[in-house]
Amino acid sequence: MNTPLFIAKRIALNRQQSFSRFIIRLAIAATTISVAAMILSLAFINGFQKVISEKVFSFWGHIRVQHFEPFKVSIAEETPILRNDTIEKEVMKLANATNIQPFATKSAIINANATIEGVLFKGVTKDYPFDRLQPFLKKGRWVQFNDTAYNQEIVLSQYMANQIGVDVGNDLLIYFIQPGEEKPRTRKLRVCGIFKTGIDIYDKTFAMGDMRLIQKLNDWLPNQIGGYEVILKDYTKMDETSNEIYATLPMGWNSKTMREVYPEIFDWLNLQNTNKYIMIAVMTAVALINLITCLIILVLERTRMIGVLKAVGTSDSKIQQIFMYYGALITLWGIAGGLALGLGISYLQLKTGFIKLNEEAYYMDRAPVEMIWWQVGLVVTGTFLVCFLVLLIPSLISRKISPAKAVQFR
């Protein structure tokens, strides 16, 4: 029989009311809260990063291929390039690429109900994968294309529609800015849909429509486009895939990841990783301090028991094992409670979304949850191992207790 484990269980399961029983409950509660806080931090931060990344990539893809212009801002109109079937095929041969689509943008001013707003009109083709944007569509539909002429429809953001006071089915005048011309070119377009991504840089800037309208306004040839957007299977490999694409491009073309186009969004996402590590470090420290304090108190309270065990010939290592088992049991109970609490709150948030957010600040109206199970396993395993090792400190106190003095201890 494992005597140290047997004694540790008897002490731990002792139902008599005592100060040590209160301390044990306090230590278990502290460990439970720490583990739950770590699990929830990981779940919410992973959720934030996933949702924001999906929104960024859904609207613009993962990689943008354009004419090389290092000094232009990300929302500037593109210098046209010729659509190239060979490049499209080479990109689609890459293992990480799933789609490549042409696009073009053009600056414009919207006029409706005596209100004007600036907008960057994003033109796409009939093959554009609108299914990726479907979660953002609030009203109406996406642009429908025909084979004869450009479609005279536009999809506005909800923010833009509210600003100028229009809804689906309303007509509005759009003044397209023409470089080198005194007057803009005016077009009357009908609002066919309203979208909302929750990302200000998109909702306050972009509208969508037919790329052939931009080609006509810019006097481009039918095979001239602003650039390509490339969609990937794994966004974590954006940089290496961008380098692979760049190696296939003609002279004067460039390949940029969305991290390079919108660094401020990804800097914000990276900051969440820092917050995650700080939270885990703080919660681990709280759990460790509580466990050490708890075990020191328990060792001191069991001084007479230690003296008796030493008097009957029990070795110091065996006595130390008793308190190591004792601490391990407390840690396991705390971890089990933290696991149940953390997963329970995560599941509840996933189903009900009861934790609400300010969408203007966080790009979403409720806290998202993304559970990565290997991270949960790492939290559980890491917490137990670290706590178990730290428990060596207070358990060493039992070695220094004298049997003669211990049996007289009150």
Protein backbone atom coordinates (compact mmCIF):
# COMPACT_ATOMS: atom_id res chain seq x y z
CA MET A 1 0.00 0.00 0.00
CA ASN A 2 1.16 3.53 -0.74
CA THR A 3 1.18 4.85 2.84
CA PRO A 4 1.92 8.54 2.04
CA LEU A 5 -0.94 8.65 -0.48
CA PHE A 6 -3.30 6.90 1.98
CA ILE A 7 -2.52 9.44 4.74
CA ALA A 8 -2.81 12.37 2.30
CA LYS A 9 -6.27 11.21 1.23
CA ARG A 10 -7.41 10.77 4.85
CA ILE A 11 -6.28 14.31 5.68
CA ALA A 12 -7.76 15.81 2.52
CA LEU A 13 -11.10 14.02 2.93
CA ASN A 14 -11.42 14.84 6.62
CA ARG A 15 -14.89 16.38 7.04
CA GLN A 16 -14.33 17.86 10.50
CA GLN A 17 -14.74 21.63 10.61
CA SER A 18 -11.32 23.25 11.07
CA PHE A 19 -9.25 26.18 9.95
CA SER A 20 -7.28 23.94 7.59
CA ARG A 21 -10.50 22.88 5.88
CA PHE A 22 -11.26 26.55 5.15
CA ILE A 23 -7.73 27.05 3.80
CA ILE A 24 -8.07 24.01 1.51
CA ARG A 25 -11.33 25.37 0.09
CA LEU A 26 -9.70 28.76 -0.43
CA ALA A 27 -6.76 27.18 -2.28
CA ILE A 28 -9.06 25.10 -4.48
CA ALA A 29 -11.19 28.16 -5.26
CA ALA A 30 -8.11 30.22 -6.17
CA THR A 31 -6.82 27.47 -8.46
CA THR A 32 -10.26 27.05 -10.02
CA ILE A 33 -10.56 30.76 -10.79
CA SER A 34 -7.00 30.92 -12.15
CA VAL A 35 -7.45 27.97 -14.50
CA ALA A 36 -10.89 29.20 -15.63
CA ALA A 37 -9.46 32.69 -16.27
CA MET A 38 -6.65 31.24 -18.39
CA ILE A 39 -9.04 29.10 -20.43
CA LEU A 40 -11.44 32.01 -20.97
CA SER A 41 -8.60 34.37 -21.91
CA LEU A 42 -7.38 31.95 -24.56
CA ALA A 43 -10.91 31.27 -25.85
CA PHE A 44 -11.88 34.94 -26.14
CA ILE A 45 -8.58 36.18 -27.59
CA ASN A 46 -8.48 33.32 -30.09
CA GLY A 47 -12.06 34.23 -30.98
CA PHE A 48 -11.17 37.90 -31.45
CA GLN A 49 -8.27 37.06 -33.69
CA LYS A 50 -10.23 34.57 -35.78
CA VAL A 51 -13.27 36.83 -36.31
CA ILE A 52 -11.24 39.95 -37.13
CA SER A 53 -8.95 38.01 -39.46
CA GLU A 54 -11.93 36.46 -41.26
CA LYS A 55 -13.52 39.90 -41.71
CA VAL A 56 -10.31 41.42 -43.07
CA PHE A 57 -9.66 38.53 -45.44
CA SER A 58 -13.26 38.05 -46.54
CA PHE A 59 -13.46 41.57 -47.91
CA TRP A 60 -10.00 41.81 -49.48
CA GLY A 61 -8.53 38.32 -49.68
CA HIS A 62 -5.17 37.46 -48.17
CA ILE A 63 -2.76 38.79 -50.80
CA ARG A 64 -3.05 41.69 -53.21
CA VAL A 65 -1.20 41.71 -56.57
CA GLN A 66 -0.83 45.13 -58.22
CA HIS A 67 1.50 47.40 -60.14
CA PHE A 68 4.55 48.16 -58.01
CA GLU A 69 3.99 51.58 -56.41
CA PRO A 70 5.73 51.71 -53.02
CA PHE A 71 4.70 55.28 -52.15
CA LYS A 72 0.97 54.95 -52.71
CA VAL A 73 -1.38 54.56 -49.76
CA SER A 74 -3.55 51.43 -49.51
CA ILE A 75 -6.78 53.22 -50.51
CA ALA A 76 -5.34 55.00 -53.57
CA GLU A 77 -6.53 54.10 -57.07
CA GLU A 78 -4.37 51.54 -58.83
CA THR A 79 -2.25 51.94 -61.92
CA PRO A 80 -3.79 49.45 -64.36
CA ILE A 81 -2.16 46.16 -65.25
CA LEU A 82 -3.11 43.74 -68.02
CA ARG A 83 -5.06 40.67 -66.98
CA ASN A 84 -2.74 37.71 -67.40
CA ASP A 85 -4.09 34.15 -67.73
CA THR A 86 -0.63 32.68 -67.27
CA ILE A 87 -0.16 34.42 -63.91
CA GLU A 88 -3.63 33.34 -62.78
CA LYS A 89 -2.83 29.71 -63.60
CA GLU A 90 0.57 29.88 -61.87
CA VAL A 91 -0.99 31.27 -58.72
CA MET A 92 -3.69 28.59 -58.69
CA LYS A 93 -0.98 25.92 -58.90
CA LEU A 94 0.31 26.97 -55.48
CA ALA A 95 -0.73 24.57 -52.73
CA ASN A 96 -2.00 27.34 -50.46
CA ALA A 97 -4.03 29.29 -53.07
CA THR A 98 -7.77 28.70 -53.51
CA ASN A 99 -8.92 31.66 -55.61
CA ILE A 100 -7.65 34.67 -57.57
CA GLN A 101 -9.95 37.50 -58.64
CA PRO A 102 -9.39 40.78 -60.53
CA PHE A 103 -10.54 44.06 -59.02
CA ALA A 104 -10.21 47.81 -59.43
CA THR A 105 -11.06 50.80 -57.24
CA LYS A 106 -12.02 54.40 -58.00
CA SER A 107 -12.58 57.43 -55.78
CA ALA A 108 -16.04 58.95 -55.88
CA ILE A 109 -18.48 61.24 -54.10
CA ILE A 110 -22.01 60.06 -53.34
CA ASN A 111 -24.85 62.56 -53.44
CA ALA A 112 -28.26 61.72 -51.98
CA ASN A 113 -30.85 63.61 -49.95
CA ALA A 114 -28.73 66.77 -50.01
CA THR A 115 -25.91 64.84 -48.30
CA ILE A 116 -22.53 63.98 -49.80
CA GLU A 117 -20.02 61.36 -48.71
CA GLY A 118 -16.67 60.27 -50.08
CA VAL A 119 -16.32 56.61 -51.03
CA LEU A 120 -13.86 54.25 -52.69
CA PHE A 121 -15.82 52.25 -55.26
CA LYS A 122 -14.51 48.67 -55.48
CA GLY A 123 -15.30 47.01 -58.80
CA VAL A 124 -15.38 43.22 -59.15
CA THR A 125 -16.34 40.70 -61.84
CA LYS A 126 -19.21 38.23 -62.15
CA ASP A 127 -16.98 35.40 -60.88
CA TYR A 128 -16.33 37.16 -57.59
CA PRO A 129 -16.97 34.78 -54.64
CA PHE A 130 -19.71 36.76 -52.90
CA ASP A 131 -20.45 33.76 -50.67
CA ARG A 132 -17.48 34.83 -48.52
CA LEU A 133 -19.20 38.15 -47.90
CA GLN A 134 -22.67 36.73 -47.28
CA PRO A 135 -22.45 37.00 -43.45
CA PHE A 136 -21.97 40.77 -43.86
CA LEU A 137 -25.03 41.35 -46.06
CA LYS A 138 -27.73 43.06 -43.98
CA LYS A 139 -30.30 43.93 -46.69
CA GLY A 140 -30.93 43.23 -50.36
CA ARG A 141 -28.45 41.31 -52.48
CA TRP A 142 -25.04 41.58 -54.11
CA VAL A 143 -24.57 43.02 -57.58
CA GLN A 144 -25.89 40.86 -60.43
CA PHE A 145 -23.92 40.92 -63.68
CA ASN A 146 -25.07 40.77 -67.28
CA ASP A 147 -23.15 40.03 -70.47
CA THR A 148 -23.94 43.20 -72.42
CA ALA A 149 -22.97 46.22 -70.35
CA TYR A 150 -21.87 47.19 -66.87
CA ASN A 151 -24.41 46.82 -64.09
CA GLN A 152 -25.82 50.08 -62.76
CA GLU A 153 -26.08 48.89 -59.17
CA ILE A 154 -24.10 49.55 -56.02
CA VAL A 155 -23.78 47.87 -52.63
CA LEU A 156 -23.26 50.35 -49.79
CA SER A 157 -22.16 49.84 -46.20
CA GLN A 158 -24.78 50.32 -43.53
CA TYR A 159 -22.77 53.24 -42.16
CA MET A 160 -22.74 54.97 -45.56
CA ALA A 161 -26.44 54.28 -46.16
CA ASN A 162 -27.33 55.80 -42.79
CA GLN A 163 -25.14 58.83 -43.41
CA ILE A 164 -26.82 59.75 -46.70
CA GLY A 165 -30.27 58.43 -45.79
CA VAL A 166 -30.82 55.78 -48.48
CA ASP A 167 -32.10 52.21 -48.47
CA VAL A 168 -32.24 49.24 -50.85
CA GLY A 169 -34.00 50.25 -54.06
CA ASN A 170 -33.10 53.95 -53.84
CA ASP A 171 -31.23 55.73 -56.64
CA LEU A 172 -28.29 58.00 -56.01
CA LEU A 173 -25.81 60.08 -57.97
CA ILE A 174 -22.14 59.20 -57.84
CA TYR A 175 -19.49 61.64 -59.00
CA PHE A 176 -16.31 59.80 -60.03
CA ILE A 177 -13.14 61.86 -59.71
CA GLN A 178 -11.21 61.99 -62.98
CA PRO A 179 -7.51 62.84 -62.74
CA GLY A 180 -6.66 65.75 -65.05
CA GLU A 181 -10.30 66.71 -65.60
CA GLU A 182 -12.03 69.68 -63.99
CA LYS A 183 -15.40 67.99 -63.67
CA PRO A 184 -16.13 64.53 -62.29
CA ARG A 185 -18.08 61.97 -64.33
CA THR A 186 -21.56 61.38 -62.98
CA ARG A 187 -23.44 58.09 -62.88
CA LYS A 188 -26.85 57.23 -61.48
CA LEU A 189 -26.75 53.90 -59.62
CA ARG A 190 -29.36 51.98 -57.69
CA VAL A 191 -28.67 50.58 -54.21
CA CYS A 192 -29.19 46.80 -54.44
CA GLY A 193 -27.69 45.80 -51.10
CA ILE A 194 -26.34 47.01 -47.76
CA PHE A 195 -23.46 45.35 -45.92
CA LYS A 196 -21.78 45.75 -42.55
CA THR A 197 -18.40 44.26 -41.63
CA GLY A 198 -18.03 46.07 -38.31
CA ILE A 199 -14.55 47.27 -39.35
CA ASP A 200 -14.54 51.06 -39.66
CA ILE A 201 -11.80 51.19 -42.27
CA TYR A 202 -14.06 49.15 -44.57
CA ASP A 203 -17.53 50.40 -43.64
CA LYS A 204 -16.58 54.08 -43.81
CA THR A 205 -14.58 53.76 -47.02
CA PHE A 206 -15.82 51.16 -49.51
CA ALA A 207 -18.78 50.49 -51.75
CA MET A 208 -18.99 47.64 -54.29
CA GLY A 209 -20.13 47.34 -57.87
CA ASP A 210 -19.24 46.26 -61.40
CA MET A 211 -15.58 46.60 -62.39
CA ARG A 212 -16.62 47.30 -66.01
CA LEU A 213 -17.95 50.68 -64.82
CA ILE A 214 -14.47 51.60 -63.63
CA GLN A 215 -12.93 50.38 -66.88
CA LYS A 216 -15.33 52.58 -68.85
CA LEU A 217 -14.77 55.63 -66.64
CA ASN A 218 -10.98 55.25 -66.85
CA ASP A 219 -11.04 54.54 -70.60
CA TRP A 220 -9.32 51.24 -69.98
CA LEU A 221 -9.24 48.28 -72.31
CA PRO A 222 -11.43 45.28 -71.40
CA ASN A 223 -8.37 43.36 -70.19
CA GLN A 224 -7.05 46.17 -67.97
CA ILE A 225 -7.62 45.74 -64.22
CA GLY A 226 -6.48 47.37 -61.02
CA GLY A 227 -5.00 44.18 -59.62
CA TYR A 228 -5.74 40.74 -58.20
CA GLU A 229 -6.81 39.59 -54.77
CA VAL A 230 -5.72 36.08 -53.81
CA ILE A 231 -7.51 33.87 -51.30
CA LEU A 232 -5.51 31.28 -49.35
CA LYS A 233 -6.27 28.09 -47.46
CA ASP A 234 -4.02 28.94 -44.51
CA TYR A 235 -3.63 32.63 -43.68
CA THR A 236 -0.71 31.93 -41.33
CA LYS A 237 1.38 31.19 -44.45
CA MET A 238 0.64 34.54 -46.11
CA ASP A 239 4.21 35.74 -46.16
CA GLU A 240 5.75 32.66 -47.76
CA THR A 241 2.89 32.37 -50.27
CA SER A 242 3.28 36.06 -51.16
CA ASN A 243 6.96 35.44 -51.85
CA GLU A 244 6.07 32.47 -54.08
CA ILE A 245 3.60 34.62 -56.02
CA TYR A 246 6.09 37.47 -56.35
CA ALA A 247 8.58 35.09 -57.98
CA THR A 248 6.06 34.42 -60.79
CA LEU A 249 5.14 38.07 -61.49
CA PRO A 250 6.29 40.18 -64.47
CA MET A 251 8.62 43.12 -63.99
CA GLY A 252 6.85 46.07 -62.36
CA TRP A 253 4.26 43.99 -60.48
CA ASN A 254 4.20 43.51 -56.73
CA SER A 255 2.65 41.12 -54.20
CA LYS A 256 1.58 42.36 -50.75
CA THR A 257 -0.09 40.55 -47.87
CA MET A 258 -3.03 42.13 -46.07
CA ARG A 259 -0.74 42.48 -43.07
CA GLU A 260 1.32 44.92 -45.14
CA VAL A 261 -1.75 46.71 -46.53
CA TYR A 262 -3.48 47.19 -43.16
CA PRO A 263 -0.72 46.88 -40.52
CA GLU A 264 -2.74 48.76 -37.89
CA ILE A 265 -5.35 45.97 -37.71
CA PHE A 266 -2.76 43.24 -37.36
CA ASP A 267 -0.78 45.26 -34.81
CA TRP A 268 -3.98 45.35 -32.75
CA LEU A 269 -4.36 41.58 -33.12
CA ASN A 270 -0.74 41.00 -32.07
CA LEU A 271 -1.34 43.17 -29.01
CA GLN A 272 -3.99 40.67 -27.95
CA ASN A 273 -1.28 37.99 -27.79
CA THR A 274 0.62 40.15 -25.31
CA ASN A 275 -2.51 40.53 -23.20
CA LYS A 276 -3.00 36.75 -23.35
CA TYR A 277 0.50 36.01 -22.05
CA ILE A 278 0.21 38.61 -19.28
CA MET A 279 -3.12 37.17 -18.13
CA ILE A 280 -1.75 33.61 -18.07
CA ALA A 281 1.34 34.72 -16.12
CA VAL A 282 -0.73 36.63 -13.53
CA MET A 283 -3.24 33.81 -13.05
CA THR A 284 -0.46 31.22 -12.70
CA ALA A 285 1.27 33.39 -10.08
CA VAL A 286 -2.00 33.73 -8.14
CA ALA A 287 -2.52 29.97 -8.15
CA LEU A 288 1.06 29.28 -7.06
CA ILE A 289 1.07 31.82 -4.23
CA ASN A 290 -2.22 30.47 -2.87
CA LEU A 291 -1.06 26.87 -3.03
CA ILE A 292 2.27 27.61 -1.32
CA THR A 293 0.55 29.59 1.44
CA CYS A 294 -2.06 26.87 1.85
CA LEU A 295 0.46 24.06 2.18
CA ILE A 296 2.68 25.98 4.62
CA ILE A 297 -0.34 26.49 6.88
CA LEU A 298 -1.33 22.83 6.54
CA VAL A 299 2.20 21.64 7.35
CA LEU A 300 2.34 23.82 10.46
CA GLU A 301 -1.11 22.66 11.54
CA ARG A 302 0.02 19.03 11.22
CA THR A 303 3.20 19.53 13.24
CA ARG A 304 2.18 17.06 15.97
CA MET A 305 1.27 14.46 13.35
CA ILE A 306 4.68 14.93 11.74
CA GLY A 307 6.39 14.51 15.12
CA VAL A 308 4.50 11.29 15.83
CA LEU A 309 5.32 9.87 12.39
CA LYS A 310 9.01 10.66 12.87
CA ALA A 311 8.95 9.18 16.36
CA VAL A 312 7.69 5.85 15.00
CA GLY A 313 10.45 5.78 12.40
CA THR A 314 8.85 7.34 9.30
CA SER A 315 11.53 8.82 7.06
CA ASP A 316 11.61 12.50 6.08
CA SER A 317 11.09 11.59 2.42
CA LYS A 318 7.90 9.67 3.22
CA ILE A 319 6.53 12.58 5.27
CA GLN A 320 7.42 14.96 2.47
CA GLN A 321 5.55 12.71 0.04
CA ILE A 322 2.42 12.99 2.18
CA PHE A 323 2.31 16.75 1.71
CA MET A 324 3.27 16.49 -1.95
CA TYR A 325 0.30 14.17 -2.50
CA TYR A 326 -1.82 16.50 -0.37
CA GLY A 327 -0.89 19.50 -2.54
CA ALA A 328 -1.36 17.51 -5.75
CA LEU A 329 -4.90 16.53 -4.71
CA ILE A 330 -5.77 20.18 -4.00
CA THR A 331 -4.28 21.20 -7.36
CA LEU A 332 -6.23 18.51 -9.24
CA TRP A 333 -9.52 19.53 -7.60
CA GLY A 334 -8.83 23.15 -8.50
CA ILE A 335 -7.91 22.30 -12.09
CA ALA A 336 -11.04 20.17 -12.49
CA GLY A 337 -13.19 22.99 -11.16
CA GLY A 338 -11.44 25.55 -13.39
CA LEU A 339 -11.84 23.34 -16.43
CA ALA A 340 -15.56 22.92 -15.79
CA LEU A 341 -16.08 26.64 -15.10
CA GLY A 342 -14.02 27.85 -18.06
CA LEU A 343 -15.55 25.46 -20.58
CA GLY A 344 -19.02 26.07 -19.19
CA ILE A 345 -18.83 29.86 -19.59
CA SER A 346 -17.29 29.46 -23.06
CA TYR A 347 -20.10 27.16 -24.18
CA LEU A 348 -22.72 29.50 -22.74
CA GLN A 349 -21.19 32.47 -24.57
CA LEU A 350 -21.01 30.47 -27.78
CA LYS A 351 -24.72 29.59 -27.59
CA THR A 352 -26.19 32.80 -26.17
CA GLY A 353 -23.62 35.58 -26.70
CA PHE A 354 -24.51 37.10 -23.32
CA ILE A 355 -21.23 39.06 -23.16
CA LYS A 356 -21.83 42.11 -25.36
CA LEU A 357 -19.21 44.46 -26.82
CA ASN A 358 -19.01 47.96 -28.23
CA GLU A 359 -18.82 47.21 -31.95
CA GLU A 360 -17.13 50.52 -32.77
CA ALA A 361 -14.22 49.63 -30.50
CA TYR A 362 -13.98 45.85 -31.02
CA TYR A 363 -15.32 45.36 -34.60
CA MET A 364 -18.05 43.01 -33.29
CA ASP A 365 -21.13 43.23 -31.08
CA ARG A 366 -20.45 40.20 -28.86
CA ALA A 367 -17.38 38.44 -27.51
CA PRO A 368 -16.44 35.57 -29.84
CA VAL A 369 -15.23 32.20 -28.58
CA GLU A 370 -12.70 29.96 -30.28
CA MET A 371 -11.63 26.91 -28.28
CA ILE A 372 -8.28 25.39 -29.32
CA TRP A 373 -8.10 22.12 -27.45
CA TRP A 374 -4.34 21.69 -27.42
CA GLN A 375 -4.11 25.05 -25.64
CA VAL A 376 -6.63 23.89 -23.04
CA GLY A 377 -4.57 20.73 -22.56
CA LEU A 378 -1.43 22.82 -22.22
CA VAL A 379 -3.06 25.01 -19.55
CA VAL A 380 -4.16 21.96 -17.55
CA THR A 381 -0.86 20.09 -17.87
CA GLY A 382 1.30 23.17 -17.37
CA THR A 383 -0.63 24.31 -14.30
CA PHE A 384 -0.37 20.90 -12.67
CA LEU A 385 3.35 20.46 -13.39
CA VAL A 386 4.33 23.97 -12.29
CA CYS A 387 2.22 23.77 -9.12
CA PHE A 388 3.56 20.31 -8.31
CA LEU A 389 7.16 21.48 -8.62
CA VAL A 390 6.53 24.60 -6.54
CA LEU A 391 4.89 22.47 -3.84
CA LEU A 392 8.36 21.13 -3.05
CA ILE A 393 9.12 24.39 -1.25
CA PRO A 394 6.61 24.19 1.61
CA SER A 395 6.87 20.39 1.85
CA LEU A 396 10.57 20.76 2.76
CA ILE A 397 9.48 22.40 6.03
CA SER A 398 8.44 18.98 7.32
CA ARG A 399 12.07 17.83 7.17
CA LYS A 400 13.14 20.49 9.67
CA ILE A 401 10.56 19.64 12.33
CA SER A 402 12.07 17.96 15.44
CA PRO A 403 10.05 14.99 16.78
CA ALA A 404 10.69 15.92 20.43
CA LYS A 405 9.42 19.47 20.00
CA ALA A 406 6.63 18.50 17.59
CA VAL A 407 4.83 16.22 20.03
CA GLN A 408 4.72 19.12 22.56
CA PHE A 409 3.37 21.55 19.90
CA ARG A 410 0.04 23.17 20.71
